[in-house]
C-alpha cells in the first residue's frame, strides 16, 4: 500500500511506515491497512475511501530511516464515482501496438507460448472518476476536496521478474481528455511494447495505435529529468503531450517484499498539443536486483485507525 498526500500551502505527507507497507484484506468488499480503508459500493461505479491515523509531514523520503519525523493526525473521507467507461487492456488495446512490438522480436514457438501465457494469466482495466469529500489535518482545519483521479485494477499473476523497466504516463486535461501511455521492456516477450488509451471529452475511448516514446530517451540511465515530451495517435487523432515534473514530489516506493524493483512516482503538469493544461503522474519503474530491503516491520496501532468492521460510515 502506498499513501502520499500533498496539499498546496500546507505541505507533503506520507505514511510513517513507508516504504514498508503491508495490507490485509478485511473482506470481499473492504481492503484495509495502516488506517486506510477502501470499500466498493457499486462495482465499476462508486467507491468509498477513508483514512484515520498518523501521517508524516515533510519532504518525501527516498530511503528508509528509523527517525519518525513529525507525525500529524489526519482524517479524510472521499467518495469516488466514475466519469468514464472501463478500458480493458486485454480487449480494448489496439492490435497494431502488439504487432509492432512482436515484429521486433526473433520469432520462436517458445516466444509465442510465453506471450499466450502472459495474456491468459494477467488482466487489467482502468477508469477515470472524481473523488469528493473532505480532509481534516490537525492545526489546519477541514478542507473540502474535489479531485480527478484514476481507478486501476490489476489482477491475476504478474511475474515482476520478467519486467526490466517501464515508464507510465497518466494525465487528465482541462478539456476532459484523459490519457494513459506505457512503454515497457519485458525481455522474455517484448523488449519495447507501447500500450495505452485516450478517453475523449465526449466519452469515447480508443487504444493508442502508435507512439514515438522510447525507453532509451526516458531516463534509461536512472537520472530523471524535469521535462519530457511524447507523441502518439489514438482514435485517428494525433496527440503531443509534454510533462513538467515536480522534482519535490517524486516519492520512491519498492516492489513487494523483495525490494527488487523501484518505482519513482513523479507528480507532473502537462500540456496537450501545446494548448490544453493537464495534471497527472509519470511513473518510472526499474528492476534492481541489488535494491536494499527495508526492515521487516509490522503495521502498528499508532498508525492504524478504527476497525473498518465497526467504524461508522461517514455522513
C-alpha atoms as a PDB file:
ATOM      1  CA  UNK A   1       0.000   0.000   0.000  1.00  0.00           C
ATOM      2  CA  UNK A   2       1.238   3.473  -0.889  1.00  0.00           C
ATOM      3  CA  UNK A   3      -0.207   6.601   0.702  1.00  0.00           C
ATOM      4  CA  UNK A   4       1.016  10.079  -0.259  1.00  0.00           C
ATOM      5  CA  UNK A   5      -0.714  13.410   0.214  1.00  0.00           C
ATOM      6  CA  UNK A   6       0.171  16.886  -0.968  1.00  0.00           C
ATOM      7  CA  UNK A   7      -1.846  19.992  -0.157  1.00  0.00           C
ATOM      8  CA  UNK A   8      -0.834  23.398  -1.541  1.00  0.00           C
ATOM      9  CA  UNK A   9       0.056  25.771   1.267  1.00  0.00           C
ATOM     10  CA  UNK A  10       0.159  23.006   3.866  1.00  0.00           C
ATOM     11  CA  UNK A  11       2.787  20.511   2.741  1.00  0.00           C
ATOM     12  CA  UNK A  12       3.573  16.916   1.823  1.00  0.00           C
ATOM     13  CA  UNK A  13       2.570  13.877   3.860  1.00  0.00           C
ATOM     14  CA  UNK A  14       3.300  10.160   3.684  1.00  0.00           C
ATOM     15  CA  UNK A  15       2.531   7.124   5.783  1.00  0.00           C
ATOM     16  CA  UNK A  16       5.032   6.863   8.678  1.00  0.00           C
ATOM     17  CA  UNK A  17       5.854   3.249   7.859  1.00  0.00           C
ATOM     18  CA  UNK A  18       6.575   3.945   4.212  1.00  0.00           C
ATOM     19  CA  UNK A  19       8.201   2.244   2.368  1.00  0.00           C
ATOM     20  CA  UNK A  20       7.393  -0.942   4.339  1.00  0.00           C
ATOM     21  CA  UNK A  21       3.635  -1.150   3.743  1.00  0.00           C
ATOM     22  CA  UNK A  22       1.676  -4.376   4.086  1.00  0.00           C
ATOM     23  CA  UNK A  23      -2.087  -4.595   3.558  1.00  0.00           C
ATOM     24  CA  UNK A  24      -4.512  -7.113   4.978  1.00  0.00           C
ATOM     25  CA  UNK A  25      -7.817  -7.972   3.329  1.00  0.00           C
ATOM     26  CA  UNK A  26     -10.826  -7.476   5.573  1.00  0.00           C
ATOM     27  CA  UNK A  27     -13.468  -8.959   3.291  1.00  0.00           C
ATOM     28  CA  UNK A  28     -14.515  -9.184  -0.326  1.00  0.00           C
ATOM     29  CA  UNK A  29     -15.829  -5.612  -0.126  1.00  0.00           C
ATOM     30  CA  UNK A  30     -13.287  -3.811   2.103  1.00  0.00           C
ATOM     31  CA  UNK A  31      -9.500  -3.523   1.863  1.00  0.00           C
ATOM     32  CA  UNK A  32      -7.718  -2.062   4.895  1.00  0.00           C
ATOM     33  CA  UNK A  33      -4.273  -1.338   6.277  1.00  0.00           C
ATOM     34  CA  UNK A  34      -2.460   1.340   8.260  1.00  0.00           C
ATOM     35  CA  UNK A  35      -5.613   3.391   8.895  1.00  0.00           C
ATOM     36  CA  UNK A  36      -6.701   3.400   5.236  1.00  0.00           C
ATOM     37  CA  UNK A  37      -9.875   1.620   4.121  1.00  0.00           C
ATOM     38  CA  UNK A  38     -11.306   1.248   0.628  1.00  0.00           C
ATOM     39  CA  UNK A  39     -14.774  -0.144   0.042  1.00  0.00           C
ATOM     40  CA  UNK A  40     -16.663  -0.581  -3.184  1.00  0.00           C
ATOM     41  CA  UNK A  41     -20.310   0.486  -3.043  1.00  0.00           C
ATOM     42  CA  UNK A  42     -21.202  -0.411  -6.619  1.00  0.00           C
ATOM     43  CA  UNK A  43     -18.795  -2.278  -8.956  1.00  0.00           C
ATOM     44  CA  UNK A  44     -17.184  -0.023 -11.575  1.00  0.00           C
ATOM     45  CA  UNK A  45     -19.326   2.864 -10.354  1.00  0.00           C
ATOM     46  CA  UNK A  46     -18.674   4.024  -6.804  1.00  0.00           C
ATOM     47  CA  UNK A  47     -16.055   3.543  -4.054  1.00  0.00           C
ATOM     48  CA  UNK A  48     -15.608   4.903  -0.538  1.00  0.00           C
ATOM     49  CA  UNK A  49     -12.084   5.810   0.648  1.00  0.00           C
ATOM     50  CA  UNK A  50     -11.378   6.694   4.287  1.00  0.00           C
ATOM     51  CA  UNK A  51      -8.262   7.357   6.343  1.00  0.00           C
ATOM     52  CA  UNK A  52      -7.906   7.937  10.075  1.00  0.00           C
ATOM     53  CA  UNK A  53      -4.416   7.874  11.502  1.00  0.00           C
ATOM     54  CA  UNK A  54      -0.991   9.489  11.569  1.00  0.00           C
ATOM     55  CA  UNK A  55       0.921  10.742   8.551  1.00  0.00           C
ATOM     56  CA  UNK A  56       4.496  12.011   8.479  1.00  0.00           C
ATOM     57  CA  UNK A  57       4.752  15.631   7.373  1.00  0.00           C
ATOM     58  CA  UNK A  58       7.727  16.781   5.342  1.00  0.00           C
ATOM     59  CA  UNK A  59       9.644  16.011   2.170  1.00  0.00           C
ATOM     60  CA  UNK A  60       9.063  12.543   0.767  1.00  0.00           C
ATOM     61  CA  UNK A  61      11.775  10.175   1.897  1.00  0.00           C
ATOM     62  CA  UNK A  62      13.883   8.443  -0.724  1.00  0.00           C
ATOM     63  CA  UNK A  63      15.102   5.692   1.610  1.00  0.00           C
ATOM     64  CA  UNK A  64      14.293   4.034   4.903  1.00  0.00           C
ATOM     65  CA  UNK A  65      15.032   5.912   8.131  1.00  0.00           C
ATOM     66  CA  UNK A  66      14.464   4.947  11.775  1.00  0.00           C
ATOM     67  CA  UNK A  67      13.538   8.560  12.580  1.00  0.00           C
ATOM     68  CA  UNK A  68       9.774   9.027  12.661  1.00  0.00           C
ATOM     69  CA  UNK A  69       9.780  12.727  11.848  1.00  0.00           C
ATOM     70  CA  UNK A  70       6.765  14.955  12.515  1.00  0.00           C
ATOM     71  CA  UNK A  71       3.643  12.784  12.824  1.00  0.00           C
ATOM     72  CA  UNK A  72       0.329  14.572  12.339  1.00  0.00           C
ATOM     73  CA  UNK A  73      -3.232  13.226  12.918  1.00  0.00           C
ATOM     74  CA  UNK A  74      -5.104  13.200   9.597  1.00  0.00           C
ATOM     75  CA  UNK A  75      -8.621  12.147   8.641  1.00  0.00           C
ATOM     76  CA  UNK A  76     -10.201  12.094   5.221  1.00  0.00           C
ATOM     77  CA  UNK A  77     -13.355  10.683   3.752  1.00  0.00           C
ATOM     78  CA  UNK A  78     -13.865  10.537  -0.018  1.00  0.00           C
ATOM     79  CA  UNK A  79     -16.411   9.046  -2.356  1.00  0.00           C
ATOM     80  CA  UNK A  80     -15.132   8.171  -5.821  1.00  0.00           C
ATOM     81  CA  UNK A  81     -17.595   7.996  -8.720  1.00  0.00           C
ATOM     82  CA  UNK A  82     -16.714   7.049 -12.272  1.00  0.00           C
ATOM     83  CA  UNK A  83     -16.738   9.599 -15.085  1.00  0.00           C
ATOM     84  CA  UNK A  84     -15.630   7.280 -17.922  1.00  0.00           C
ATOM     85  CA  UNK A  85     -16.265   3.812 -19.208  1.00  0.00           C
ATOM     86  CA  UNK A  86     -13.851   0.993 -18.320  1.00  0.00           C
ATOM     87  CA  UNK A  87     -10.803   0.472 -20.536  1.00  0.00           C
ATOM     88  CA  UNK A  88      -9.951  -3.227 -20.612  1.00  0.00           C
ATOM     89  CA  UNK A  89      -6.324  -3.625 -21.703  1.00  0.00           C
ATOM     90  CA  UNK A  90      -6.868  -7.216 -22.864  1.00  0.00           C
ATOM     91  CA  UNK A  91      -9.845  -6.320 -25.066  1.00  0.00           C
ATOM     92  CA  UNK A  92      -9.695  -2.600 -25.922  1.00  0.00           C
ATOM     93  CA  UNK A  93      -5.990  -2.139 -26.718  1.00  0.00           C
ATOM     94  CA  UNK A  94      -5.013  -1.520 -30.334  1.00  0.00           C
ATOM     95  CA  UNK A  95      -3.676  -4.683 -32.049  1.00  0.00           C
ATOM     96  CA  UNK A  96      -1.189  -2.551 -34.007  1.00  0.00           C
ATOM     97  CA  UNK A  97       0.920  -1.812 -30.927  1.00  0.00           C
ATOM     98  CA  UNK A  98       1.306  -5.506 -30.115  1.00  0.00           C
ATOM     99  CA  UNK A  99       2.009  -6.372 -33.752  1.00  0.00           C
ATOM    100  CA  UNK A 100       4.695  -3.688 -33.938  1.00  0.00           C
ATOM    101  CA  UNK A 101       6.307  -4.908 -30.698  1.00  0.00           C
ATOM    102  CA  UNK A 102       6.305  -8.566 -31.744  1.00  0.00           C
ATOM    103  CA  UNK A 103       7.734  -7.699 -35.164  1.00  0.00           C
ATOM    104  CA  UNK A 104      10.912  -6.530 -33.394  1.00  0.00           C
ATOM    105  CA  UNK A 105      11.467  -9.876 -31.657  1.00  0.00           C
ATOM    106  CA  UNK A 106      13.019 -13.105 -33.000  1.00  0.00           C
ATOM    107  CA  UNK A 107      10.052 -15.406 -33.552  1.00  0.00           C
ATOM    108  CA  UNK A 108      10.123 -18.822 -31.913  1.00  0.00           C
ATOM    109  CA  UNK A 109       7.494 -21.232 -30.665  1.00  0.00           C
ATOM    110  CA  UNK A 110       8.684 -20.507 -27.118  1.00  0.00           C
ATOM    111  CA  UNK A 111       8.148 -16.757 -27.598  1.00  0.00           C
ATOM    112  CA  UNK A 112       4.509 -17.165 -28.617  1.00  0.00           C
ATOM    113  CA  UNK A 113       3.908 -19.626 -25.809  1.00  0.00           C
ATOM    114  CA  UNK A 114       5.198 -17.063 -23.299  1.00  0.00           C
ATOM    115  CA  UNK A 115       3.059 -14.314 -24.849  1.00  0.00           C
ATOM    116  CA  UNK A 116      -0.025 -16.543 -24.702  1.00  0.00           C
ATOM    117  CA  UNK A 117       0.673 -17.427 -21.065  1.00  0.00           C
ATOM    118  CA  UNK A 118       1.019 -13.758 -20.089  1.00  0.00           C
ATOM    119  CA  UNK A 119      -2.286 -12.813 -21.697  1.00  0.00           C
ATOM    120  CA  UNK A 120      -4.076 -15.727 -20.026  1.00  0.00           C
ATOM    121  CA  UNK A 121      -2.699 -15.044 -16.537  1.00  0.00           C
ATOM    122  CA  UNK A 122      -2.753 -11.265 -16.084  1.00  0.00           C
ATOM    123  CA  UNK A 123      -5.581  -8.771 -16.576  1.00  0.00           C
ATOM    124  CA  UNK A 124      -6.001  -5.036 -16.099  1.00  0.00           C
ATOM    125  CA  UNK A 125      -8.652  -2.399 -16.501  1.00  0.00           C
ATOM    126  CA  UNK A 126      -8.874   1.301 -15.687  1.00  0.00           C
ATOM    127  CA  UNK A 127     -11.423   4.066 -15.500  1.00  0.00           C
ATOM    128  CA  UNK A 128     -11.351   7.717 -14.516  1.00  0.00           C
ATOM    129  CA  UNK A 129     -13.566   9.415 -11.979  1.00  0.00           C
ATOM    130  CA  UNK A 130     -13.924  12.114  -9.354  1.00  0.00           C
ATOM    131  CA  UNK A 131     -13.367  11.880  -5.582  1.00  0.00           C
ATOM    132  CA  UNK A 132     -15.451  14.246  -3.459  1.00  0.00           C
ATOM    133  CA  UNK A 133     -15.212  14.686   0.303  1.00  0.00           C
ATOM    134  CA  UNK A 134     -13.198  16.425   2.996  1.00  0.00           C
ATOM    135  CA  UNK A 135      -9.914  16.140   4.827  1.00  0.00           C
ATOM    136  CA  UNK A 136      -9.080  17.248   8.350  1.00  0.00           C
ATOM    137  CA  UNK A 137      -5.485  17.861   9.420  1.00  0.00           C
ATOM    138  CA  UNK A 138      -4.549  18.816  12.958  1.00  0.00           C
ATOM    139  CA  UNK A 139      -3.981  22.599  13.246  1.00  0.00           C
ATOM    140  CA  UNK A 140      -5.121  23.105   9.637  1.00  0.00           C
ATOM    141  CA  UNK A 141      -8.864  22.573   9.947  1.00  0.00           C
ATOM    142  CA  UNK A 142     -11.163  20.896   7.439  1.00  0.00           C
ATOM    143  CA  UNK A 143     -10.767  21.254   3.680  1.00  0.00           C
ATOM    144  CA  UNK A 144     -13.349  20.331   1.064  1.00  0.00           C
ATOM    145  CA  UNK A 145     -11.923  18.245  -1.788  1.00  0.00           C
ATOM    146  CA  UNK A 146     -12.988  17.518  -5.355  1.00  0.00           C
ATOM    147  CA  UNK A 147     -10.314  15.550  -7.201  1.00  0.00           C
ATOM    148  CA  UNK A 148      -9.984  13.902 -10.598  1.00  0.00           C
ATOM    149  CA  UNK A 149      -8.359  10.501 -10.386  1.00  0.00           C
ATOM    150  CA  UNK A 150      -8.000   7.040 -11.836  1.00  0.00           C
ATOM    151  CA  UNK A 151      -9.012   3.603 -10.572  1.00  0.00           C
ATOM    152  CA  UNK A 152      -6.630   0.965 -11.868  1.00  0.00           C
ATOM    153  CA  UNK A 153      -7.361  -2.704 -11.206  1.00  0.00           C
ATOM    154  CA  UNK A 154      -4.637  -5.223 -11.996  1.00  0.00           C
ATOM    155  CA  UNK A 155      -5.276  -8.859 -11.134  1.00  0.00           C
ATOM    156  CA  UNK A 156      -4.126 -12.368 -11.880  1.00  0.00           C
ATOM    157  CA  UNK A 157      -0.484 -13.453 -11.997  1.00  0.00           C
ATOM    158  CA  UNK A 158       2.131 -10.808 -12.781  1.00  0.00           C
ATOM    159  CA  UNK A 159       5.715 -12.016 -12.761  1.00  0.00           C
ATOM    160  CA  UNK A 160       7.678  -8.886 -11.910  1.00  0.00           C
ATOM    161  CA  UNK A 161      10.923 -10.739 -12.578  1.00  0.00           C
ATOM    162  CA  UNK A 162      10.005 -10.560 -16.285  1.00  0.00           C
ATOM    163  CA  UNK A 163       9.794  -6.745 -16.269  1.00  0.00           C
ATOM    164  CA  UNK A 164      13.091  -4.890 -16.697  1.00  0.00           C
ATOM    165  CA  UNK A 165      11.651  -1.383 -16.657  1.00  0.00           C
ATOM    166  CA  UNK A 166       8.808   0.778 -17.852  1.00  0.00           C
ATOM    167  CA  UNK A 167       7.568   4.354 -17.930  1.00  0.00           C
ATOM    168  CA  UNK A 168       3.878   5.109 -17.464  1.00  0.00           C
ATOM    169  CA  UNK A 169       2.169   8.451 -18.095  1.00  0.00           C
ATOM    170  CA  UNK A 170      -1.256   9.203 -16.620  1.00  0.00           C
ATOM    171  CA  UNK A 171      -2.779  12.587 -17.431  1.00  0.00           C
ATOM    172  CA  UNK A 172      -6.157  14.314 -17.199  1.00  0.00           C
ATOM    173  CA  UNK A 173      -6.623  17.522 -19.172  1.00  0.00           C
ATOM    174  CA  UNK A 174      -8.742  20.601 -18.654  1.00  0.00           C
ATOM    175  CA  UNK A 175     -10.969  19.824 -21.659  1.00  0.00           C
ATOM    176  CA  UNK A 176     -11.918  16.406 -20.222  1.00  0.00           C
ATOM    177  CA  UNK A 177      -9.417  14.320 -22.192  1.00  0.00           C
ATOM    178  CA  UNK A 178      -7.733  11.545 -20.184  1.00  0.00           C
ATOM    179  CA  UNK A 179      -4.756   9.506 -21.360  1.00  0.00           C
ATOM    180  CA  UNK A 180      -2.572   6.582 -20.352  1.00  0.00           C
ATOM    181  CA  UNK A 181       0.681   5.706 -22.118  1.00  0.00           C
ATOM    182  CA  UNK A 182       3.040   2.936 -21.013  1.00  0.00           C
ATOM    183  CA  UNK A 183       6.306   1.896 -22.652  1.00  0.00           C
ATOM    184  CA  UNK A 184       7.564  -1.360 -21.169  1.00  0.00           C
ATOM    185  CA  UNK A 185      10.538  -3.695 -21.553  1.00  0.00           C
ATOM    186  CA  UNK A 186       9.827  -7.377 -20.843  1.00  0.00           C
ATOM    187  CA  UNK A 187      12.831  -9.267 -22.261  1.00  0.00           C
ATOM    188  CA  UNK A 188      11.048 -12.641 -22.222  1.00  0.00           C
ATOM    189  CA  UNK A 189       8.380 -11.435 -24.662  1.00  0.00           C
ATOM    190  CA  UNK A 190       8.582  -7.826 -25.887  1.00  0.00           C
ATOM    191  CA  UNK A 191      11.559  -5.543 -25.326  1.00  0.00           C
ATOM    192  CA  UNK A 192       9.678  -2.424 -26.438  1.00  0.00           C
ATOM    193  CA  UNK A 193       5.902  -2.551 -26.105  1.00  0.00           C
ATOM    194  CA  UNK A 194       3.711   0.567 -26.140  1.00  0.00           C
ATOM    195  CA  UNK A 195       0.191   0.331 -24.717  1.00  0.00           C
ATOM    196  CA  UNK A 196      -2.400   2.833 -23.553  1.00  0.00           C
ATOM    197  CA  UNK A 197      -5.526   4.709 -24.429  1.00  0.00           C
ATOM    198  CA  UNK A 198      -7.320   8.023 -24.713  1.00  0.00           C
ATOM    199  CA  UNK A 199     -10.719   8.908 -23.307  1.00  0.00           C
ATOM    200  CA  UNK A 200     -12.147  11.767 -25.349  1.00  0.00           C
ATOM    201  CA  UNK A 201     -14.234  14.567 -23.774  1.00  0.00           C
ATOM    202  CA  UNK A 202     -17.413  13.068 -25.280  1.00  0.00           C
ATOM    203  CA  UNK A 203     -16.768   9.753 -23.510  1.00  0.00           C
ATOM    204  CA  UNK A 204     -15.376   7.802 -26.474  1.00  0.00           C
ATOM    205  CA  UNK A 205     -12.356   5.604 -25.819  1.00  0.00           C
ATOM    206  CA  UNK A 206      -9.611   4.447 -28.144  1.00  0.00           C
ATOM    207  CA  UNK A 207      -6.446   2.412 -27.733  1.00  0.00           C
ATOM    208  CA  UNK A 208      -3.142   4.059 -28.593  1.00  0.00           C
ATOM    209  CA  UNK A 209      -2.077   2.939 -32.065  1.00  0.00           C
ATOM    210  CA  UNK A 210       1.441   4.402 -32.322  1.00  0.00           C
ATOM    211  CA  UNK A 211       3.871   6.428 -30.234  1.00  0.00           C
ATOM    212  CA  UNK A 212       7.371   7.809 -30.595  1.00  0.00           C
ATOM    213  CA  UNK A 213       8.043   7.204 -26.894  1.00  0.00           C
ATOM    214  CA  UNK A 214      11.318   5.350 -26.374  1.00  0.00           C
ATOM    215  CA  UNK A 215      12.656   3.936 -23.124  1.00  0.00           C
ATOM    216  CA  UNK A 216      16.153   4.853 -24.280  1.00  0.00           C
ATOM    217  CA  UNK A 217      15.123   8.511 -24.070  1.00  0.00           C
ATOM    218  CA  UNK A 218      13.122   8.265 -20.847  1.00  0.00           C
ATOM    219  CA  UNK A 219      15.660   8.175 -18.001  1.00  0.00           C
ATOM    220  CA  UNK A 220      17.332   4.970 -19.191  1.00  0.00           C
ATOM    221  CA  UNK A 221      20.382   5.942 -17.101  1.00  0.00           C
ATOM    222  CA  UNK A 222      18.239   6.355 -13.977  1.00  0.00           C
ATOM    223  CA  UNK A 223      18.551  10.143 -14.000  1.00  0.00           C
ATOM    224  CA  UNK A 224      15.031  11.537 -14.175  1.00  0.00           C
ATOM    225  CA  UNK A 225      14.827  14.913 -15.899  1.00  0.00           C
ATOM    226  CA  UNK A 226      12.355  17.703 -15.225  1.00  0.00           C
ATOM    227  CA  UNK A 227      10.745  17.753 -18.674  1.00  0.00           C
ATOM    228  CA  UNK A 228       9.659  15.119 -21.173  1.00  0.00           C
ATOM    229  CA  UNK A 229       7.616  15.057 -24.358  1.00  0.00           C
ATOM    230  CA  UNK A 230       5.934  12.253 -26.297  1.00  0.00           C
ATOM    231  CA  UNK A 231       3.610  11.941 -29.275  1.00  0.00           C
ATOM    232  CA  UNK A 232       1.027   9.271 -30.009  1.00  0.00           C
ATOM    233  CA  UNK A 233      -2.074   8.523 -32.049  1.00  0.00           C
ATOM    234  CA  UNK A 234      -5.427   7.141 -30.918  1.00  0.00           C
ATOM    235  CA  UNK A 235      -8.858   7.094 -32.494  1.00  0.00           C
ATOM    236  CA  UNK A 236      -7.432   8.539 -35.709  1.00  0.00           C
ATOM    237  CA  UNK A 237      -6.111  11.663 -33.966  1.00  0.00           C
ATOM    238  CA  UNK A 238      -2.601  12.830 -33.063  1.00  0.00           C
ATOM    239  CA  UNK A 239      -1.543  13.956 -29.603  1.00  0.00           C
ATOM    240  CA  UNK A 240       1.574  15.797 -28.475  1.00  0.00           C
ATOM    241  CA  UNK A 241       1.992  15.681 -24.707  1.00  0.00           C
ATOM    242  CA  UNK A 242       4.648  17.480 -22.668  1.00  0.00           C
ATOM    243  CA  UNK A 243       5.267  16.893 -18.972  1.00  0.00           C
ATOM    244  CA  UNK A 244       6.956  19.164 -16.418  1.00  0.00           C
ATOM    245  CA  UNK A 245       7.841  17.066 -13.380  1.00  0.00           C
ATOM    246  CA  UNK A 246       7.778  18.421  -9.849  1.00  0.00           C
ATOM    247  CA  UNK A 247      11.091  17.087  -8.527  1.00  0.00           C
ATOM    248  CA  UNK A 248       9.963  17.884  -4.969  1.00  0.00           C
ATOM    249  CA  UNK A 249       7.045  15.460  -5.391  1.00  0.00           C
ATOM    250  CA  UNK A 250       8.655  12.245  -6.656  1.00  0.00           C
ATOM    251  CA  UNK A 251       8.301   9.712  -3.828  1.00  0.00           C
ATOM    252  CA  UNK A 252      10.065   6.374  -4.149  1.00  0.00           C
ATOM    253  CA  UNK A 253       8.323   3.067  -3.445  1.00  0.00           C
ATOM    254  CA  UNK A 254       9.578  -0.508  -3.508  1.00  0.00           C
ATOM    255  CA  UNK A 255       8.136  -3.542  -5.217  1.00  0.00           C
ATOM    256  CA  UNK A 256       6.733  -6.021  -2.729  1.00  0.00           C
ATOM    257  CA  UNK A 257       8.673  -7.900  -0.090  1.00  0.00           C
ATOM    258  CA  UNK A 258      11.845  -8.482  -2.069  1.00  0.00           C
ATOM    259  CA  UNK A 259      12.797  -4.874  -2.758  1.00  0.00           C
ATOM    260  CA  UNK A 260      13.980  -5.941  -6.212  1.00  0.00           C
ATOM    261  CA  UNK A 261      12.122  -3.162  -8.030  1.00  0.00           C
ATOM    262  CA  UNK A 262      11.935   0.586  -7.502  1.00  0.00           C
ATOM    263  CA  UNK A 263       9.146   2.956  -8.545  1.00  0.00           C
ATOM    264  CA  UNK A 264       9.511   6.728  -8.833  1.00  0.00           C
ATOM    265  CA  UNK A 265       6.064   8.387  -8.646  1.00  0.00           C
ATOM    266  CA  UNK A 266       6.506  11.857 -10.133  1.00  0.00           C
ATOM    267  CA  UNK A 267       3.685  14.405  -9.998  1.00  0.00           C
ATOM    268  CA  UNK A 268       3.637  16.460 -13.210  1.00  0.00           C
ATOM    269  CA  UNK A 269       1.937  19.339 -15.011  1.00  0.00           C
ATOM    270  CA  UNK A 270       1.039  18.508 -18.604  1.00  0.00           C
ATOM    271  CA  UNK A 271       0.305  20.303 -21.847  1.00  0.00           C
ATOM    272  CA  UNK A 272      -1.773  18.734 -24.624  1.00  0.00           C
ATOM    273  CA  UNK A 273      -0.881  19.864 -28.148  1.00  0.00           C
ATOM    274  CA  UNK A 274       0.784  22.937 -26.647  1.00  0.00           C
ATOM    275  CA  UNK A 275      -2.548  24.438 -25.579  1.00  0.00           C
ATOM    276  CA  UNK A 276      -4.556  22.483 -23.028  1.00  0.00           C
ATOM    277  CA  UNK A 277      -3.200  22.191 -19.470  1.00  0.00           C
ATOM    278  CA  UNK A 278      -3.417  18.956 -17.540  1.00  0.00           C
ATOM    279  CA  UNK A 279      -2.254  17.230 -14.388  1.00  0.00           C
ATOM    280  CA  UNK A 280      -1.142  13.755 -13.515  1.00  0.00           C
ATOM    281  CA  UNK A 281       1.711  11.369 -12.911  1.00  0.00           C
ATOM    282  CA  UNK A 282       4.804   9.952 -14.594  1.00  0.00           C
ATOM    283  CA  UNK A 283       5.865   6.629 -13.088  1.00  0.00           C
ATOM    284  CA  UNK A 284       9.349   5.238 -13.677  1.00  0.00           C
ATOM    285  CA  UNK A 285       9.984   1.593 -12.787  1.00  0.00           C
ATOM    286  CA  UNK A 286      13.420  -0.024 -12.614  1.00  0.00           C
ATOM    287  CA  UNK A 287      14.176  -3.613 -11.773  1.00  0.00           C
ATOM    288  CA  UNK A 288      17.039  -3.535  -9.287  1.00  0.00           C
ATOM    289  CA  UNK A 289      18.354  -6.845  -8.026  1.00  0.00           C
ATOM    290  CA  UNK A 290      20.675  -5.013  -5.628  1.00  0.00           C
ATOM    291  CA  UNK A 291      17.968  -2.896  -4.001  1.00  0.00           C
ATOM    292  CA  UNK A 292      18.240  -2.818  -0.232  1.00  0.00           C
ATOM    293  CA  UNK A 293      15.455  -4.460   1.754  1.00  0.00           C
ATOM    294  CA  UNK A 294      13.647  -2.329   4.317  1.00  0.00           C
ATOM    295  CA  UNK A 295      13.279  -3.559   7.901  1.00  0.00           C
ATOM    296  CA  UNK A 296      10.645  -6.252   8.348  1.00  0.00           C
ATOM    297  CA  UNK A 297       8.213  -4.256  10.464  1.00  0.00           C
ATOM    298  CA  UNK A 298       4.511  -4.828  11.030  1.00  0.00           C
ATOM    299  CA  UNK A 299       1.786  -2.232  10.902  1.00  0.00           C
ATOM    300  CA  UNK A 300       1.329  -0.936  14.436  1.00  0.00           C
ATOM    301  CA  UNK A 301      -1.587   0.542  16.296  1.00  0.00           C
ATOM    302  CA  UNK A 302      -0.029   4.004  16.245  1.00  0.00           C
ATOM    303  CA  UNK A 303      -0.638   4.288  12.527  1.00  0.00           C
ATOM    304  CA  UNK A 304      -3.933   2.488  12.281  1.00  0.00           C
ATOM    305  CA  UNK A 305      -7.377   3.974  12.535  1.00  0.00           C
ATOM    306  CA  UNK A 306     -10.606   2.403  13.766  1.00  0.00           C
ATOM    307  CA  UNK A 307     -11.548  -1.135  12.828  1.00  0.00           C
ATOM    308  CA  UNK A 308     -13.371  -0.881   9.482  1.00  0.00           C
ATOM    309  CA  UNK A 309     -15.718  -3.638  10.546  1.00  0.00           C
ATOM    310  CA  UNK A 310     -17.041  -1.498  13.422  1.00  0.00           C
ATOM    311  CA  UNK A 311     -16.388   2.076  12.267  1.00  0.00           C
ATOM    312  CA  UNK A 312     -19.414   4.125  11.285  1.00  0.00           C
ATOM    313  CA  UNK A 313     -19.808   5.254   7.700  1.00  0.00           C
ATOM    314  CA  UNK A 314     -19.103   8.962   7.063  1.00  0.00           C
ATOM    315  CA  UNK A 315     -22.100  11.248   6.905  1.00  0.00           C
END
